[in-house]
């Protein structure tokens, strides 16, 4: 993600209600490790066999939750300062140490 210059990133997901906390933890990890805004748009409702909790959210480059949805269908909006990504990456420049040439 970060190698292509991505700053905000959207992930669409269908986490079952019993694993909703796993989805949030993984979004938070993606935001922290890539130092960018990550938004998760999560399914709500039920199928015959599965229940989906919703809870869409936006995570900051520092891993802080900025917006949290509910378990019903709704539209959420938030304004973010994309310069925050640059500030975070300068303050903690660990992305410079990445070795994409070693990726499998």
C-alpha atoms as a PDB file:
ATOM      1  CA  UNK A   1       0.000   0.000   0.000  1.00  0.00           C
ATOM      2  CA  UNK A   2       2.484   2.562   1.153  1.00  0.00           C
ATOM      3  CA  UNK A   3       4.872   1.852  -1.733  1.00  0.00           C
ATOM      4  CA  UNK A   4       2.319   3.160  -4.220  1.00  0.00           C
ATOM      5  CA  UNK A   5       2.000   6.475  -2.357  1.00  0.00           C
ATOM      6  CA  UNK A   6      -1.325   5.606  -0.751  1.00  0.00           C
ATOM      7  CA  UNK A   7      -2.397   7.938   2.050  1.00  0.00           C
ATOM      8  CA  UNK A   8      -6.020   6.976   2.788  1.00  0.00           C
ATOM      9  CA  UNK A   9      -7.097   3.385   2.302  1.00  0.00           C
ATOM     10  CA  UNK A  10     -10.584   1.823   2.355  1.00  0.00           C
ATOM     11  CA  UNK A  11     -11.223  -1.785   3.246  1.00  0.00           C
ATOM     12  CA  UNK A  12     -14.632  -3.361   2.606  1.00  0.00           C
ATOM     13  CA  UNK A  13     -15.338  -6.281   4.904  1.00  0.00           C
ATOM     14  CA  UNK A  14     -17.929  -8.800   6.041  1.00  0.00           C
ATOM     15  CA  UNK A  15     -16.711  -9.656   9.527  1.00  0.00           C
ATOM     16  CA  UNK A  16     -19.216 -11.869  11.316  1.00  0.00           C
ATOM     17  CA  UNK A  17     -20.463 -10.345  14.565  1.00  0.00           C
ATOM     18  CA  UNK A  18     -18.551 -12.933  16.623  1.00  0.00           C
ATOM     19  CA  UNK A  19     -15.280 -11.686  15.047  1.00  0.00           C
ATOM     20  CA  UNK A  20     -15.986  -7.945  14.841  1.00  0.00           C
ATOM     21  CA  UNK A  21     -13.205  -7.103  17.296  1.00  0.00           C
ATOM     22  CA  UNK A  22     -10.726  -8.973  15.088  1.00  0.00           C
ATOM     23  CA  UNK A  23     -11.640  -6.775  12.125  1.00  0.00           C
ATOM     24  CA  UNK A  24     -11.080  -3.613  14.131  1.00  0.00           C
ATOM     25  CA  UNK A  25      -7.732  -4.858  15.467  1.00  0.00           C
ATOM     26  CA  UNK A  26      -6.516  -5.626  11.947  1.00  0.00           C
ATOM     27  CA  UNK A  27      -7.588  -2.214  10.633  1.00  0.00           C
ATOM     28  CA  UNK A  28      -5.740  -0.548  13.485  1.00  0.00           C
ATOM     29  CA  UNK A  29      -2.637  -2.620  12.678  1.00  0.00           C
ATOM     30  CA  UNK A  30      -2.779  -1.668   8.964  1.00  0.00           C
ATOM     31  CA  UNK A  31      -3.026   2.037   9.877  1.00  0.00           C
ATOM     32  CA  UNK A  32      -0.085   1.863  12.277  1.00  0.00           C
ATOM     33  CA  UNK A  33       2.227  -0.235  10.114  1.00  0.00           C
ATOM     34  CA  UNK A  34       1.601   1.897   7.010  1.00  0.00           C
ATOM     35  CA  UNK A  35       1.250   5.224   8.844  1.00  0.00           C
ATOM     36  CA  UNK A  36      -1.887   6.212   6.958  1.00  0.00           C
ATOM     37  CA  UNK A  37      -5.618   6.627   7.424  1.00  0.00           C
ATOM     38  CA  UNK A  38      -7.458   3.321   7.107  1.00  0.00           C
ATOM     39  CA  UNK A  39     -11.221   3.133   6.916  1.00  0.00           C
ATOM     40  CA  UNK A  40     -13.202  -0.056   7.294  1.00  0.00           C
ATOM     41  CA  UNK A  41     -16.656  -0.267   5.776  1.00  0.00           C
ATOM     42  CA  UNK A  42     -18.310  -3.233   7.478  1.00  0.00           C
ATOM     43  CA  UNK A  43     -21.461  -5.104   6.503  1.00  0.00           C
ATOM     44  CA  UNK A  44     -24.555  -4.968   8.697  1.00  0.00           C
ATOM     45  CA  UNK A  45     -27.530  -7.300   8.907  1.00  0.00           C
ATOM     46  CA  UNK A  46     -28.075 -11.034   8.767  1.00  0.00           C
ATOM     47  CA  UNK A  47     -28.041 -13.890   6.346  1.00  0.00           C
ATOM     48  CA  UNK A  48     -29.565 -17.245   7.052  1.00  0.00           C
ATOM     49  CA  UNK A  49     -26.472 -18.455   8.893  1.00  0.00           C
ATOM     50  CA  UNK A  50     -24.544 -15.344   9.875  1.00  0.00           C
ATOM     51  CA  UNK A  51     -24.992 -12.045  11.684  1.00  0.00           C
ATOM     52  CA  UNK A  52     -22.858  -8.996  10.776  1.00  0.00           C
ATOM     53  CA  UNK A  53     -22.152  -6.321  13.374  1.00  0.00           C
ATOM     54  CA  UNK A  54     -21.362  -3.288  11.218  1.00  0.00           C
ATOM     55  CA  UNK A  55     -19.229  -0.845  13.164  1.00  0.00           C
ATOM     56  CA  UNK A  56     -17.492   0.820  10.232  1.00  0.00           C
ATOM     57  CA  UNK A  57     -14.636   3.027  11.356  1.00  0.00           C
ATOM     58  CA  UNK A  58     -11.744   5.306  10.506  1.00  0.00           C
ATOM     59  CA  UNK A  59      -8.330   4.814  12.096  1.00  0.00           C
ATOM     60  CA  UNK A  60      -5.621   7.501  12.117  1.00  0.00           C
ATOM     61  CA  UNK A  61      -1.993   6.910  11.063  1.00  0.00           C
ATOM     62  CA  UNK A  62      -1.180   6.633  14.773  1.00  0.00           C
ATOM     63  CA  UNK A  63      -3.799   3.925  15.364  1.00  0.00           C
ATOM     64  CA  UNK A  64      -6.399   6.158  17.006  1.00  0.00           C
ATOM     65  CA  UNK A  65     -10.074   5.568  16.230  1.00  0.00           C
ATOM     66  CA  UNK A  66     -11.517   8.758  14.714  1.00  0.00           C
ATOM     67  CA  UNK A  67     -15.000   7.646  13.714  1.00  0.00           C
ATOM     68  CA  UNK A  68     -17.099   4.661  14.682  1.00  0.00           C
ATOM     69  CA  UNK A  69     -20.263   3.377  13.101  1.00  0.00           C
ATOM     70  CA  UNK A  70     -23.087   1.464  14.670  1.00  0.00           C
ATOM     71  CA  UNK A  71     -24.741  -1.838  13.987  1.00  0.00           C
ATOM     72  CA  UNK A  72     -27.356  -0.310  11.665  1.00  0.00           C
ATOM     73  CA  UNK A  73     -27.019   1.031   8.150  1.00  0.00           C
ATOM     74  CA  UNK A  74     -25.955   4.681   8.108  1.00  0.00           C
ATOM     75  CA  UNK A  75     -23.763   7.198   6.299  1.00  0.00           C
ATOM     76  CA  UNK A  76     -20.761   8.557   8.185  1.00  0.00           C
ATOM     77  CA  UNK A  77     -18.603  11.506   7.202  1.00  0.00           C
ATOM     78  CA  UNK A  78     -15.459  12.987   8.657  1.00  0.00           C
ATOM     79  CA  UNK A  79     -12.921  15.512   7.469  1.00  0.00           C
ATOM     80  CA  UNK A  80      -9.262  14.551   7.823  1.00  0.00           C
ATOM     81  CA  UNK A  81      -6.039  16.451   7.315  1.00  0.00           C
ATOM     82  CA  UNK A  82      -3.939  14.342   4.940  1.00  0.00           C
ATOM     83  CA  UNK A  83      -0.859  16.341   5.966  1.00  0.00           C
ATOM     84  CA  UNK A  84      -1.124  14.444   9.261  1.00  0.00           C
ATOM     85  CA  UNK A  85       0.257  11.412   7.399  1.00  0.00           C
ATOM     86  CA  UNK A  86       3.368  13.369   6.413  1.00  0.00           C
ATOM     87  CA  UNK A  87       3.828  14.625   9.980  1.00  0.00           C
ATOM     88  CA  UNK A  88       3.528  11.095  11.405  1.00  0.00           C
ATOM     89  CA  UNK A  89       5.947   9.666   8.863  1.00  0.00           C
ATOM     90  CA  UNK A  90       8.519  12.369   9.630  1.00  0.00           C
ATOM     91  CA  UNK A  91       8.176  11.980  13.383  1.00  0.00           C
ATOM     92  CA  UNK A  92       8.546   8.176  13.245  1.00  0.00           C
ATOM     93  CA  UNK A  93      10.430   7.467   9.994  1.00  0.00           C
ATOM     94  CA  UNK A  94      10.465   3.671  10.260  1.00  0.00           C
ATOM     95  CA  UNK A  95       9.019   3.243   6.759  1.00  0.00           C
ATOM     96  CA  UNK A  96      12.426   4.257   5.372  1.00  0.00           C
ATOM     97  CA  UNK A  97      13.801   1.001   6.748  1.00  0.00           C
ATOM     98  CA  UNK A  98      11.432  -1.168   4.725  1.00  0.00           C
ATOM     99  CA  UNK A  99      12.970  -3.576   2.226  1.00  0.00           C
ATOM    100  CA  UNK A 100      10.338  -4.183  -0.472  1.00  0.00           C
ATOM    101  CA  UNK A 101      13.042  -5.890  -2.537  1.00  0.00           C
ATOM    102  CA  UNK A 102      12.937  -8.726   0.027  1.00  0.00           C
ATOM    103  CA  UNK A 103       9.151  -9.244  -0.092  1.00  0.00           C
ATOM    104  CA  UNK A 104       8.152 -12.727  -1.085  1.00  0.00           C
END
